[in-house]
Amino acid sequence: MSLLTTYFVNLDSLGIPNDYGLKRCSPKYKYVDGEKTEEVEAIKYTVVNSITLDTMNISVNHKKALFSIDEIEDAINNKQIIKVSFINARVRAYYNTFSKKVEDSIIADDIKMISK
C-alpha cells in the first residue's frame, strides 16, 4: 500500500497556487451500505487553477454551497470569473475502479471568495 493512498498531503506544501476560478458546484450525497441517501455531506466545487489551468474537484464539508448555481451561471454568461481560494486543502491519491486510474481526492476545510 502506498502512503499516497493512506495520508492526505496539504496542497500548499506541493507549491500549488491557492487561486481558482469557479466553474460549478454540486452536492455530494451521503451513501449508507452502498445506497445514496438524500443527506448532503459536502459540496463539490469544480474549479480551474488560475496559474496551472488544471481543472479539479474540491470537496468542502458544508451542507449549503457558498454560491448558487444561478450566481455561477450568471457570472460565466457575463464573462466574469468568481475567484476563490480554499482553507487547508489536502489531496490524496486513490484508485478509481470505474476509470481504472489513480486519481486525486481533494478536500478542504472551507472556501472563500477572492473576487468576482
PDB file of N, CA and C in Angstrom:
ATOM      1  N   MET A   1       0.842  -1.176   0.000  1.00  0.00           N
ATOM      2  CA  MET A   1       0.000   0.000   0.000  1.00  0.00           C
ATOM      3  C   MET A   1       0.888   1.240   0.000  1.00  0.00           C
ATOM      4  N   SER A   2       0.518   2.215  -0.791  1.00  0.00           N
ATOM      5  CA  SER A   2       1.269   3.458  -0.903  1.00  0.00           C
ATOM      6  C   SER A   2       0.861   4.434   0.190  1.00  0.00           C
ATOM      7  N   LEU A   3       1.814   5.218   0.658  1.00  0.00           N
ATOM      8  CA  LEU A   3       1.495   6.277   1.613  1.00  0.00           C
ATOM      9  C   LEU A   3       0.558   7.292   0.985  1.00  0.00           C
ATOM     10  N   LEU A   4       0.628   7.457  -0.341  1.00  0.00           N
ATOM     11  CA  LEU A   4      -0.227   8.421  -1.024  1.00  0.00           C
ATOM     12  C   LEU A   4      -1.697   8.037  -0.953  1.00  0.00           C
ATOM     13  N   THR A   5      -1.994   6.761  -0.772  1.00  0.00           N
ATOM     14  CA  THR A   5      -3.391   6.348  -0.674  1.00  0.00           C
ATOM     15  C   THR A   5      -3.884   6.336   0.773  1.00  0.00           C
ATOM     16  N   THR A   6      -2.975   6.541   1.711  1.00  0.00           N
ATOM     17  CA  THR A   6      -3.320   6.488   3.121  1.00  0.00           C
ATOM     18  C   THR A   6      -3.425   7.870   3.757  1.00  0.00           C
ATOM     19  N   TYR A   7      -2.551   8.772   3.357  1.00  0.00           N
ATOM     20  CA  TYR A   7      -2.469  10.078   4.004  1.00  0.00           C
ATOM     21  C   TYR A   7      -2.795  11.210   3.041  1.00  0.00           C
ATOM     22  N   PHE A   8      -3.406  12.260   3.585  1.00  0.00           N
ATOM     23  CA  PHE A   8      -3.639  13.483   2.815  1.00  0.00           C
ATOM     24  C   PHE A   8      -2.404  14.373   2.923  1.00  0.00           C
ATOM     25  N   VAL A   9      -2.074  15.043   1.825  1.00  0.00           N
ATOM     26  CA  VAL A   9      -0.941  15.970   1.760  1.00  0.00           C
ATOM     27  C   VAL A   9      -1.510  17.360   1.504  1.00  0.00           C
ATOM     28  N   ASN A  10      -1.050  18.356   2.245  1.00  0.00           N
ATOM     29  CA  ASN A  10      -1.525  19.718   2.083  1.00  0.00           C
ATOM     30  C   ASN A  10      -1.090  20.260   0.722  1.00  0.00           C
ATOM     31  N   LEU A  11      -2.035  20.834  -0.037  1.00  0.00           N
ATOM     32  CA  LEU A  11      -1.716  21.364  -1.366  1.00  0.00           C
ATOM     33  C   LEU A  11      -0.687  22.481  -1.308  1.00  0.00           C
ATOM     34  N   ASP A  12      -0.717  23.287  -0.250  1.00  0.00           N
ATOM     35  CA  ASP A  12       0.269  24.366  -0.119  1.00  0.00           C
ATOM     36  C   ASP A  12       1.691  23.804  -0.097  1.00  0.00           C
ATOM     37  N   SER A  13       1.873  22.645   0.536  1.00  0.00           N
ATOM     38  CA  SER A  13       3.218  22.061   0.622  1.00  0.00           C
ATOM     39  C   SER A  13       3.701  21.548  -0.735  1.00  0.00           C
ATOM     40  N   LEU A  14       2.792  21.387  -1.684  1.00  0.00           N
ATOM     41  CA  LEU A  14       3.164  20.945  -3.030  1.00  0.00           C
ATOM     42  C   LEU A  14       3.438  22.115  -3.965  1.00  0.00           C
ATOM     43  N   GLY A  15       3.269  23.338  -3.448  1.00  0.00           N
ATOM     44  CA  GLY A  15       3.531  24.525  -4.258  1.00  0.00           C
ATOM     45  C   GLY A  15       2.426  24.844  -5.255  1.00  0.00           C
ATOM     46  N   ILE A  16       1.244  24.291  -5.053  1.00  0.00           N
ATOM     47  CA  ILE A  16       0.124  24.552  -5.959  1.00  0.00           C
ATOM     48  C   ILE A  16      -0.537  25.859  -5.526  1.00  0.00           C
ATOM     49  N   PRO A  17      -0.609  26.853  -6.432  1.00  0.00           N
ATOM     50  CA  PRO A  17      -1.206  28.143  -6.054  1.00  0.00           C
ATOM     51  C   PRO A  17      -2.662  27.997  -5.617  1.00  0.00           C
ATOM     52  N   ASN A  18      -3.036  28.700  -4.559  1.00  0.00           N
ATOM     53  CA  ASN A  18      -4.384  28.623  -3.993  1.00  0.00           C
ATOM     54  C   ASN A  18      -5.236  29.749  -4.582  1.00  0.00           C
ATOM     55  N   ASP A  19      -5.449  29.697  -5.891  1.00  0.00           N
ATOM     56  CA  ASP A  19      -6.163  30.743  -6.631  1.00  0.00           C
ATOM     57  C   ASP A  19      -6.912  30.049  -7.768  1.00  0.00           C
ATOM     58  N   TYR A  20      -8.256  30.020  -7.668  1.00  0.00           N
ATOM     59  CA  TYR A  20      -9.054  29.231  -8.600  1.00  0.00           C
ATOM     60  C   TYR A  20     -10.205  30.045  -9.179  1.00  0.00           C
ATOM     61  N   GLY A  21     -10.590  29.712 -10.390  1.00  0.00           N
ATOM     62  CA  GLY A  21     -11.811  30.229 -10.991  1.00  0.00           C
ATOM     63  C   GLY A  21     -12.895  29.176 -10.827  1.00  0.00           C
ATOM     64  N   LEU A  22     -14.036  29.579 -10.301  1.00  0.00           N
ATOM     65  CA  LEU A  22     -15.121  28.638 -10.026  1.00  0.00           C
ATOM     66  C   LEU A  22     -15.911  28.336 -11.294  1.00  0.00           C
ATOM     67  N   LYS A  23     -16.063  27.044 -11.609  1.00  0.00           N
ATOM     68  CA  LYS A  23     -16.844  26.626 -12.781  1.00  0.00           C
ATOM     69  C   LYS A  23     -18.257  26.190 -12.408  1.00  0.00           C
ATOM     70  N   ARG A  24     -18.380  25.441 -11.310  1.00  0.00           N
ATOM     71  CA  ARG A  24     -19.694  24.957 -10.863  1.00  0.00           C
ATOM     72  C   ARG A  24     -19.546  24.342  -9.478  1.00  0.00           C
ATOM     73  N   CYS A  25     -20.704  24.074  -8.887  1.00  0.00           N
ATOM     74  CA  CYS A  25     -20.713  23.358  -7.611  1.00  0.00           C
ATOM     75  C   CYS A  25     -21.914  22.429  -7.596  1.00  0.00           C
ATOM     76  N   SER A  26     -21.793  21.382  -6.816  1.00  0.00           N
ATOM     77  CA  SER A  26     -22.883  20.407  -6.734  1.00  0.00           C
ATOM     78  C   SER A  26     -22.806  19.702  -5.385  1.00  0.00           C
ATOM     79  N   PRO A  27     -23.948  19.213  -4.897  1.00  0.00           N
ATOM     80  CA  PRO A  27     -23.937  18.500  -3.619  1.00  0.00           C
ATOM     81  C   PRO A  27     -23.323  17.113  -3.760  1.00  0.00           C
ATOM     82  N   LYS A  28     -22.667  16.671  -2.699  1.00  0.00           N
ATOM     83  CA  LYS A  28     -22.179  15.295  -2.585  1.00  0.00           C
ATOM     84  C   LYS A  28     -23.050  14.628  -1.538  1.00  0.00           C
ATOM     85  N   TYR A  29     -23.740  13.582  -1.939  1.00  0.00           N
ATOM     86  CA  TYR A  29     -24.683  12.929  -1.039  1.00  0.00           C
ATOM     87  C   TYR A  29     -24.014  11.815  -0.255  1.00  0.00           C
ATOM     88  N   LYS A  30     -24.520  11.598   0.934  1.00  0.00           N
ATOM     89  CA  LYS A  30     -24.036  10.528   1.795  1.00  0.00           C
ATOM     90  C   LYS A  30     -24.566   9.195   1.279  1.00  0.00           C
ATOM     91  N   TYR A  31     -23.724   8.163   1.362  1.00  0.00           N
ATOM     92  CA  TYR A  31     -24.116   6.802   0.993  1.00  0.00           C
ATOM     93  C   TYR A  31     -24.076   5.931   2.248  1.00  0.00           C
ATOM     94  N   VAL A  32     -25.081   5.093   2.401  1.00  0.00           N
ATOM     95  CA  VAL A  32     -25.148   4.143   3.505  1.00  0.00           C
ATOM     96  C   VAL A  32     -25.342   2.755   2.905  1.00  0.00           C
ATOM     97  N   ASP A  33     -24.426   1.853   3.209  1.00  0.00           N
ATOM     98  CA  ASP A  33     -24.463   0.490   2.670  1.00  0.00           C
ATOM     99  C   ASP A  33     -24.576   0.489   1.143  1.00  0.00           C
ATOM    100  N   GLY A  34     -23.845   1.419   0.507  1.00  0.00           N
ATOM    101  CA  GLY A  34     -23.830   1.482  -0.955  1.00  0.00           C
ATOM    102  C   GLY A  34     -25.027   2.168  -1.576  1.00  0.00           C
ATOM    103  N   GLU A  35     -25.964   2.641  -0.754  1.00  0.00           N
ATOM    104  CA  GLU A  35     -27.177   3.306  -1.262  1.00  0.00           C
ATOM    105  C   GLU A  35     -27.106   4.805  -1.000  1.00  0.00           C
ATOM    106  N   LYS A  36     -27.436   5.591  -2.019  1.00  0.00           N
ATOM    107  CA  LYS A  36     -27.452   7.046  -1.900  1.00  0.00           C
ATOM    108  C   LYS A  36     -28.616   7.486  -1.004  1.00  0.00           C
ATOM    109  N   THR A  37     -28.326   8.399  -0.080  1.00  0.00           N
ATOM    110  CA  THR A  37     -29.372   8.977   0.756  1.00  0.00           C
ATOM    111  C   THR A  37     -29.650  10.399   0.252  1.00  0.00           C
ATOM    112  N   GLU A  38     -30.603  11.066   0.845  1.00  0.00           N
ATOM    113  CA  GLU A  38     -30.918  12.459   0.494  1.00  0.00           C
ATOM    114  C   GLU A  38     -30.075  13.448   1.299  1.00  0.00           C
ATOM    115  N   GLU A  39     -29.263  12.932   2.223  1.00  0.00           N
ATOM    116  CA  GLU A  39     -28.459  13.793   3.089  1.00  0.00           C
ATOM    117  C   GLU A  39     -27.212  14.300   2.362  1.00  0.00           C
ATOM    118  N   VAL A  40     -27.052  15.612   2.306  1.00  0.00           N
ATOM    119  CA  VAL A  40     -25.862  16.221   1.709  1.00  0.00           C
ATOM    120  C   VAL A  40     -24.753  16.183   2.749  1.00  0.00           C
ATOM    121  N   GLU A  41     -23.603  15.606   2.362  1.00  0.00           N
ATOM    122  CA  GLU A  41     -22.486  15.548   3.297  1.00  0.00           C
ATOM    123  C   GLU A  41     -21.391  16.544   2.958  1.00  0.00           C
ATOM    124  N   ALA A  42     -21.385  17.058   1.721  1.00  0.00           N
ATOM    125  CA  ALA A  42     -20.367  18.024   1.310  1.00  0.00           C
ATOM    126  C   ALA A  42     -20.820  18.706   0.025  1.00  0.00           C
ATOM    127  N   ILE A  43     -20.120  19.782  -0.316  1.00  0.00           N
ATOM    128  CA  ILE A  43     -20.329  20.459  -1.591  1.00  0.00           C
ATOM    129  C   ILE A  43     -19.069  20.263  -2.413  1.00  0.00           C
ATOM    130  N   LYS A  44     -19.232  19.812  -3.640  1.00  0.00           N
ATOM    131  CA  LYS A  44     -18.111  19.618  -4.553  1.00  0.00           C
ATOM    132  C   LYS A  44     -18.020  20.840  -5.454  1.00  0.00           C
ATOM    133  N   TYR A  45     -16.877  21.543  -5.393  1.00  0.00           N
ATOM    134  CA  TYR A  45     -16.625  22.707  -6.227  1.00  0.00           C
ATOM    135  C   TYR A  45     -15.702  22.294  -7.374  1.00  0.00           C
ATOM    136  N   THR A  46     -16.123  22.538  -8.607  1.00  0.00           N
ATOM    137  CA  THR A  46     -15.272  22.302  -9.767  1.00  0.00           C
ATOM    138  C   THR A  46     -14.625  23.633 -10.102  1.00  0.00           C
ATOM    139  N   VAL A  47     -13.299  23.651 -10.076  1.00  0.00           N
ATOM    140  CA  VAL A  47     -12.545  24.888 -10.236  1.00  0.00           C
ATOM    141  C   VAL A  47     -11.418  24.707 -11.242  1.00  0.00           C
ATOM    142  N   VAL A  48     -10.937  25.839 -11.753  1.00  0.00           N
ATOM    143  CA  VAL A  48      -9.768  25.857 -12.637  1.00  0.00           C
ATOM    144  C   VAL A  48      -8.687  26.653 -11.922  1.00  0.00           C
ATOM    145  N   ASN A  49      -7.508  26.057 -11.774  1.00  0.00           N
ATOM    146  CA  ASN A  49      -6.410  26.770 -11.140  1.00  0.00           C
ATOM    147  C   ASN A  49      -5.988  27.926 -12.046  1.00  0.00           C
ATOM    148  N   SER A  50      -5.916  29.137 -11.485  1.00  0.00           N
ATOM    149  CA  SER A  50      -5.631  30.338 -12.265  1.00  0.00           C
ATOM    150  C   SER A  50      -4.224  30.357 -12.855  1.00  0.00           C
ATOM    151  N   ILE A  51      -3.315  29.605 -12.289  1.00  0.00           N
ATOM    152  CA  ILE A  51      -1.934  29.586 -12.774  1.00  0.00           C
ATOM    153  C   ILE A  51      -1.677  28.382 -13.683  1.00  0.00           C
ATOM    154  N   THR A  52      -2.003  27.173 -13.191  1.00  0.00           N
ATOM    155  CA  THR A  52      -1.691  25.955 -13.950  1.00  0.00           C
ATOM    156  C   THR A  52      -2.765  25.589 -14.968  1.00  0.00           C
ATOM    157  N   LEU A  53      -3.976  26.173 -14.828  1.00  0.00           N
ATOM    158  CA  LEU A  53      -5.146  25.889 -15.665  1.00  0.00           C
ATOM    159  C   LEU A  53      -5.657  24.458 -15.528  1.00  0.00           C
ATOM    160  N   ASP A  54      -5.217  23.766 -14.467  1.00  0.00           N
ATOM    161  CA  ASP A  54      -5.736  22.424 -14.187  1.00  0.00           C
ATOM    162  C   ASP A  54      -7.156  22.541 -13.641  1.00  0.00           C
ATOM    163  N   THR A  55      -8.046  21.665 -14.109  1.00  0.00           N
ATOM    164  CA  THR A  55      -9.401  21.589 -13.568  1.00  0.00           C
ATOM    165  C   THR A  55      -9.416  20.520 -12.493  1.00  0.00           C
ATOM    166  N   MET A  56     -10.035  20.843 -11.356  1.00  0.00           N
ATOM    167  CA  MET A  56     -10.098  19.874 -10.268  1.00  0.00           C
ATOM    168  C   MET A  56     -11.391  20.034  -9.485  1.00  0.00           C
ATOM    169  N   ASN A  57     -11.751  18.987  -8.787  1.00  0.00           N
ATOM    170  CA  ASN A  57     -12.905  18.997  -7.896  1.00  0.00           C
ATOM    171  C   ASN A  57     -12.392  19.018  -6.468  1.00  0.00           C
ATOM    172  N   ILE A  58     -12.903  19.979  -5.693  1.00  0.00           N
ATOM    173  CA  ILE A  58     -12.501  20.096  -4.291  1.00  0.00           C
ATOM    174  C   ILE A  58     -13.762  20.066  -3.439  1.00  0.00           C
ATOM    175  N   SER A  59     -13.819  19.139  -2.497  1.00  0.00           N
ATOM    176  CA  SER A  59     -14.990  18.983  -1.631  1.00  0.00           C
ATOM    177  C   SER A  59     -14.782  19.710  -0.315  1.00  0.00           C
ATOM    178  N   VAL A  60     -15.838  20.422   0.102  1.00  0.00           N
ATOM    179  CA  VAL A  60     -15.844  21.130   1.383  1.00  0.00           C
ATOM    180  C   VAL A  60     -17.042  20.611   2.169  1.00  0.00           C
ATOM    181  N   ASN A  61     -16.828  20.277   3.425  1.00  0.00           N
ATOM    182  CA  ASN A  61     -17.889  19.690   4.243  1.00  0.00           C
ATOM    183  C   ASN A  61     -18.896  20.736   4.708  1.00  0.00           C
ATOM    184  N   HIS A  62     -19.611  21.281   3.756  1.00  0.00           N
ATOM    185  CA  HIS A  62     -20.716  22.203   4.019  1.00  0.00           C
ATOM    186  C   HIS A  62     -22.000  21.511   3.600  1.00  0.00           C
ATOM    187  N   LYS A  63     -23.089  21.933   4.158  1.00  0.00           N
ATOM    188  CA  LYS A  63     -24.399  21.419   3.745  1.00  0.00           C
ATOM    189  C   LYS A  63     -25.005  22.302   2.663  1.00  0.00           C
ATOM    190  N   LYS A  64     -24.512  23.549   2.551  1.00  0.00           N
ATOM    191  CA  LYS A  64     -25.047  24.506   1.595  1.00  0.00           C
ATOM    192  C   LYS A  64     -23.876  25.173   0.882  1.00  0.00           C
ATOM    193  N   ALA A  65     -24.001  25.350  -0.435  1.00  0.00           N
ATOM    194  CA  ALA A  65     -22.933  25.929  -1.236  1.00  0.00           C
ATOM    195  C   ALA A  65     -22.764  27.418  -0.939  1.00  0.00           C
ATOM    196  N   LEU A  66     -21.547  27.902  -1.086  1.00  0.00           N
ATOM    197  CA  LEU A  66     -21.242  29.313  -0.910  1.00  0.00           C
ATOM    198  C   LEU A  66     -21.911  30.155  -1.996  1.00  0.00           C
ATOM    199  N   PHE A  67     -22.090  29.572  -3.188  1.00  0.00           N
ATOM    200  CA  PHE A  67     -22.700  30.250  -4.323  1.00  0.00           C
ATOM    201  C   PHE A  67     -23.837  29.405  -4.865  1.00  0.00           C
ATOM    202  N   SER A  68     -24.868  30.056  -5.392  1.00  0.00           N
ATOM    203  CA  SER A  68     -25.944  29.305  -6.040  1.00  0.00           C
ATOM    204  C   SER A  68     -25.534  28.973  -7.467  1.00  0.00           C
ATOM    205  N   ILE A  69     -26.170  27.975  -8.030  1.00  0.00           N
ATOM    206  CA  ILE A  69     -25.914  27.613  -9.429  1.00  0.00           C
ATOM    207  C   ILE A  69     -26.206  28.801 -10.332  1.00  0.00           C
ATOM    208  N   ASP A  70     -27.264  29.547 -10.037  1.00  0.00           N
ATOM    209  CA  ASP A  70     -27.618  30.726 -10.843  1.00  0.00           C
ATOM    210  C   ASP A  70     -26.529  31.793 -10.789  1.00  0.00           C
ATOM    211  N   GLU A  71     -25.963  32.027  -9.601  1.00  0.00           N
ATOM    212  CA  GLU A  71     -24.884  33.018  -9.473  1.00  0.00           C
ATOM    213  C   GLU A  71     -23.677  32.633 -10.321  1.00  0.00           C
ATOM    214  N   ILE A  72     -23.330  31.360 -10.308  1.00  0.00           N
ATOM    215  CA  ILE A  72     -22.182  30.889 -11.084  1.00  0.00           C
ATOM    216  C   ILE A  72     -22.473  31.012 -12.576  1.00  0.00           C
ATOM    217  N   GLU A  73     -23.667  30.566 -12.996  1.00  0.00           N
ATOM    218  CA  GLU A  73     -24.027  30.652 -14.415  1.00  0.00           C
ATOM    219  C   GLU A  73     -24.091  32.105 -14.891  1.00  0.00           C
ATOM    220  N   ASP A  74     -24.647  33.004 -14.067  1.00  0.00           N
ATOM    221  CA  ASP A  74     -24.701  34.428 -14.427  1.00  0.00           C
ATOM    222  C   ASP A  74     -23.301  34.995 -14.619  1.00  0.00           C
ATOM    223  N   ALA A  75     -22.408  34.663 -13.718  1.00  0.00           N
ATOM    224  CA  ALA A  75     -21.028  35.152 -13.836  1.00  0.00           C
ATOM    225  C   ALA A  75     -20.384  34.631 -15.120  1.00  0.00           C
ATOM    226  N   ILE A  76     -20.558  33.352 -15.410  1.00  0.00           N
ATOM    227  CA  ILE A  76     -19.970  32.772 -16.621  1.00  0.00           C
ATOM    228  C   ILE A  76     -20.575  33.415 -17.865  1.00  0.00           C
ATOM    229  N   ASN A  77     -21.905  33.586 -17.890  1.00  0.00           N
ATOM    230  CA  ASN A  77     -22.580  34.196 -19.037  1.00  0.00           C
ATOM    231  C   ASN A  77     -22.151  35.642 -19.255  1.00  0.00           C
ATOM    232  N   ASN A  78     -21.795  36.344 -18.173  1.00  0.00           N
ATOM    233  CA  ASN A  78     -21.333  37.732 -18.266  1.00  0.00           C
ATOM    234  C   ASN A  78     -19.813  37.833 -18.367  1.00  0.00           C
ATOM    235  N   LYS A  79     -19.182  36.676 -18.647  1.00  0.00           N
ATOM    236  CA  LYS A  79     -17.730  36.588 -18.809  1.00  0.00           C
ATOM    237  C   LYS A  79     -16.963  37.107 -17.583  1.00  0.00           C
ATOM    238  N   GLN A  80     -17.545  36.846 -16.415  1.00  0.00           N
ATOM    239  CA  GLN A  80     -16.892  37.169 -15.155  1.00  0.00           C
ATOM    240  C   GLN A  80     -16.346  35.887 -14.555  1.00  0.00           C
ATOM    241  N   ILE A  81     -15.308  36.032 -13.776  1.00  0.00           N
ATOM    242  CA  ILE A  81     -14.721  34.883 -13.087  1.00  0.00           C
ATOM    243  C   ILE A  81     -14.912  35.085 -11.586  1.00  0.00           C
ATOM    244  N   ILE A  82     -15.519  34.107 -10.946  1.00  0.00           N
ATOM    245  CA  ILE A  82     -15.598  34.113  -9.488  1.00  0.00           C
ATOM    246  C   ILE A  82     -14.320  33.441  -8.999  1.00  0.00           C
ATOM    247  N   LYS A  83     -13.433  34.235  -8.400  1.00  0.00           N
ATOM    248  CA  LYS A  83     -12.160  33.699  -7.924  1.00  0.00           C
ATOM    249  C   LYS A  83     -12.297  33.285  -6.469  1.00  0.00           C
ATOM    250  N   VAL A  84     -11.838  32.076  -6.167  1.00  0.00           N
ATOM    251  CA  VAL A  84     -11.935  31.525  -4.821  1.00  0.00           C
ATOM    252  C   VAL A  84     -10.599  30.933  -4.387  1.00  0.00           C
ATOM    253  N   SER A  85     -10.483  30.750  -3.085  1.00  0.00           N
ATOM    254  CA  SER A  85      -9.358  30.003  -2.529  1.00  0.00           C
ATOM    255  C   SER A  85      -9.922  29.052  -1.476  1.00  0.00           C
ATOM    256  N   PHE A  86      -9.135  28.082  -1.104  1.00  0.00           N
ATOM    257  CA  PHE A  86      -9.582  27.060  -0.153  1.00  0.00           C
ATOM    258  C   PHE A  86      -8.717  27.077   1.093  1.00  0.00           C
ATOM    259  N   ILE A  87      -9.354  26.838   2.224  1.00  0.00           N
ATOM    260  CA  ILE A  87      -8.663  26.787   3.516  1.00  0.00           C
ATOM    261  C   ILE A  87      -8.276  25.338   3.796  1.00  0.00           C
ATOM    262  N   ASN A  88      -6.977  25.122   4.012  1.00  0.00           N
ATOM    263  CA  ASN A  88      -6.450  23.800   4.367  1.00  0.00           C
ATOM    264  C   ASN A  88      -6.851  22.719   3.356  1.00  0.00           C
ATOM    265  N   ALA A  89      -6.598  22.981   2.067  1.00  0.00           N
ATOM    266  CA  ALA A  89      -6.893  21.990   1.020  1.00  0.00           C
ATOM    267  C   ALA A  89      -5.845  20.873   1.069  1.00  0.00           C
ATOM    268  N   ARG A  90      -6.350  19.622   0.992  1.00  0.00           N
ATOM    269  CA  ARG A  90      -5.482  18.450   1.085  1.00  0.00           C
ATOM    270  C   ARG A  90      -5.830  17.456  -0.013  1.00  0.00           C
ATOM    271  N   VAL A  91      -4.835  16.724  -0.470  1.00  0.00           N
ATOM    272  CA  VAL A  91      -5.028  15.763  -1.550  1.00  0.00           C
ATOM    273  C   VAL A  91      -4.486  14.399  -1.132  1.00  0.00           C
ATOM    274  N   ARG A  92      -5.148  13.369  -1.635  1.00  0.00           N
ATOM    275  CA  ARG A  92      -4.611  12.007  -1.508  1.00  0.00           C
ATOM    276  C   ARG A  92      -4.969  11.268  -2.785  1.00  0.00           C
ATOM    277  N   ALA A  93      -4.148  10.330  -3.144  1.00  0.00           N
ATOM    278  CA  ALA A  93      -4.389   9.524  -4.342  1.00  0.00           C
ATOM    279  C   ALA A  93      -5.260   8.325  -3.985  1.00  0.00           C
ATOM    280  N   TYR A  94      -6.085   7.909  -4.945  1.00  0.00           N
ATOM    281  CA  TYR A  94      -6.876   6.686  -4.764  1.00  0.00           C
ATOM    282  C   TYR A  94      -7.051   6.030  -6.121  1.00  0.00           C
ATOM    283  N   TYR A  95      -7.332   4.744  -6.101  1.00  0.00           N
ATOM    284  CA  TYR A  95      -7.564   4.002  -7.343  1.00  0.00           C
ATOM    285  C   TYR A  95      -9.058   3.983  -7.630  1.00  0.00           C
ATOM    286  N   ASN A  96      -9.441   4.565  -8.767  1.00  0.00           N
ATOM    287  CA  ASN A  96     -10.834   4.605  -9.186  1.00  0.00           C
ATOM    288  C   ASN A  96     -11.125   3.313  -9.951  1.00  0.00           C
ATOM    289  N   THR A  97     -11.970   2.471  -9.391  1.00  0.00           N
ATOM    290  CA  THR A  97     -12.254   1.177 -10.024  1.00  0.00           C
ATOM    291  C   THR A  97     -13.077   1.339 -11.297  1.00  0.00           C
ATOM    292  N   PHE A  98     -13.788   2.461 -11.440  1.00  0.00           N
ATOM    293  CA  PHE A  98     -14.582   2.700 -12.643  1.00  0.00           C
ATOM    294  C   PHE A  98     -13.683   3.113 -13.818  1.00  0.00           C
ATOM    295  N   SER A  99     -12.818   4.113 -13.592  1.00  0.00           N
ATOM    296  CA  SER A  99     -11.940   4.594 -14.672  1.00  0.00           C
ATOM    297  C   SER A  99     -10.671   3.762 -14.791  1.00  0.00           C
ATOM    298  N   LYS A 100     -10.390   2.948 -13.774  1.00  0.00           N
ATOM    299  CA  LYS A 100      -9.182   2.119 -13.720  1.00  0.00           C
ATOM    300  C   LYS A 100      -7.911   2.972 -13.746  1.00  0.00           C
ATOM    301  N   LYS A 101      -7.988   4.117 -13.042  1.00  0.00           N
ATOM    302  CA  LYS A 101      -6.853   5.040 -12.956  1.00  0.00           C
ATOM    303  C   LYS A 101      -6.651   5.483 -11.516  1.00  0.00           C
ATOM    304  N   VAL A 102      -5.434   5.903 -11.227  1.00  0.00           N
ATOM    305  CA  VAL A 102      -5.168   6.552  -9.955  1.00  0.00           C
ATOM    306  C   VAL A 102      -5.597   8.005 -10.107  1.00  0.00           C
ATOM    307  N   GLU A 103      -6.432   8.485  -9.178  1.00  0.00           N
ATOM    308  CA  GLU A 103      -6.962   9.843  -9.259  1.00  0.00           C
ATOM    309  C   GLU A 103      -6.757  10.549  -7.923  1.00  0.00           C
ATOM    310  N   ASP A 104      -7.006  11.852  -7.928  1.00  0.00           N
ATOM    311  CA  ASP A 104      -6.851  12.659  -6.722  1.00  0.00           C
ATOM    312  C   ASP A 104      -8.188  12.847  -6.018  1.00  0.00           C
ATOM    313  N   SER A 105      -8.155  12.770  -4.718  1.00  0.00           N
ATOM    314  CA  SER A 105      -9.287  13.146  -3.883  1.00  0.00           C
ATOM    315  C   SER A 105      -8.835  14.384  -3.120  1.00  0.00           C
ATOM    316  N   ILE A 106      -9.541  15.520  -3.333  1.00  0.00           N
ATOM    317  CA  ILE A 106      -9.129  16.774  -2.700  1.00  0.00           C
ATOM    318  C   ILE A 106     -10.259  17.258  -1.801  1.00  0.00           C
ATOM    319  N   ILE A 107      -9.914  17.544  -0.558  1.00  0.00           N
ATOM    320  CA  ILE A 107     -10.880  18.069   0.401  1.00  0.00           C
ATOM    321  C   ILE A 107     -10.310  19.359   0.994  1.00  0.00           C
ATOM    322  N   ALA A 108     -11.190  20.202   1.516  1.00  0.00           N
ATOM    323  CA  ALA A 108     -10.752  21.437   2.172  1.00  0.00           C
ATOM    324  C   ALA A 108     -11.675  21.717   3.349  1.00  0.00           C
ATOM    325  N   ASP A 109     -11.175  22.504   4.284  1.00  0.00           N
ATOM    326  CA  ASP A 109     -11.988  22.857   5.450  1.00  0.00           C
ATOM    327  C   ASP A 109     -13.024  23.930   5.117  1.00  0.00           C
ATOM    328  N   ASP A 110     -12.667  24.815   4.167  1.00  0.00           N
ATOM    329  CA  ASP A 110     -13.585  25.897   3.825  1.00  0.00           C
ATOM    330  C   ASP A 110     -13.189  26.501   2.477  1.00  0.00           C
ATOM    331  N   ILE A 111     -14.047  27.360   1.963  1.00  0.00           N
ATOM    332  CA  ILE A 111     -13.825  28.075   0.713  1.00  0.00           C
ATOM    333  C   ILE A 111     -14.102  29.542   0.980  1.00  0.00           C
ATOM    334  N   LYS A 112     -13.348  30.418   0.332  1.00  0.00           N
ATOM    335  CA  LYS A 112     -13.651  31.849   0.457  1.00  0.00           C
ATOM    336  C   LYS A 112     -13.518  32.508  -0.914  1.00  0.00           C
ATOM    337  N   MET A 113     -14.321  33.553  -1.110  1.00  0.00           N
ATOM    338  CA  MET A 113     -14.270  34.285  -2.362  1.00  0.00           C
ATOM    339  C   MET A 113     -13.129  35.282  -2.310  1.00  0.00           C
ATOM    340  N   ILE A 114     -12.336  35.309  -3.395  1.00  0.00           N
ATOM    341  CA  ILE A 114     -11.254  36.280  -3.512  1.00  0.00           C
ATOM    342  C   ILE A 114     -11.787  37.524  -4.222  1.00  0.00           C
ATOM    343  N   SER A 115     -12.483  37.300  -5.348  1.00  0.00           N
ATOM    344  CA  SER A 115     -13.084  38.415  -6.101  1.00  0.00           C
ATOM    345  C   SER A 115     -14.117  37.878  -7.061  1.00  0.00           C
ATOM    346  N   LYS A 116     -14.925  38.811  -7.571  1.00  0.00           N
ATOM    347  CA  LYS A 116     -15.953  38.440  -8.537  1.00  0.00           C
ATOM    348  C   LYS A 116     -15.894  39.397  -9.699  1.00  0.00           C
TER     349      LYS A 116
END
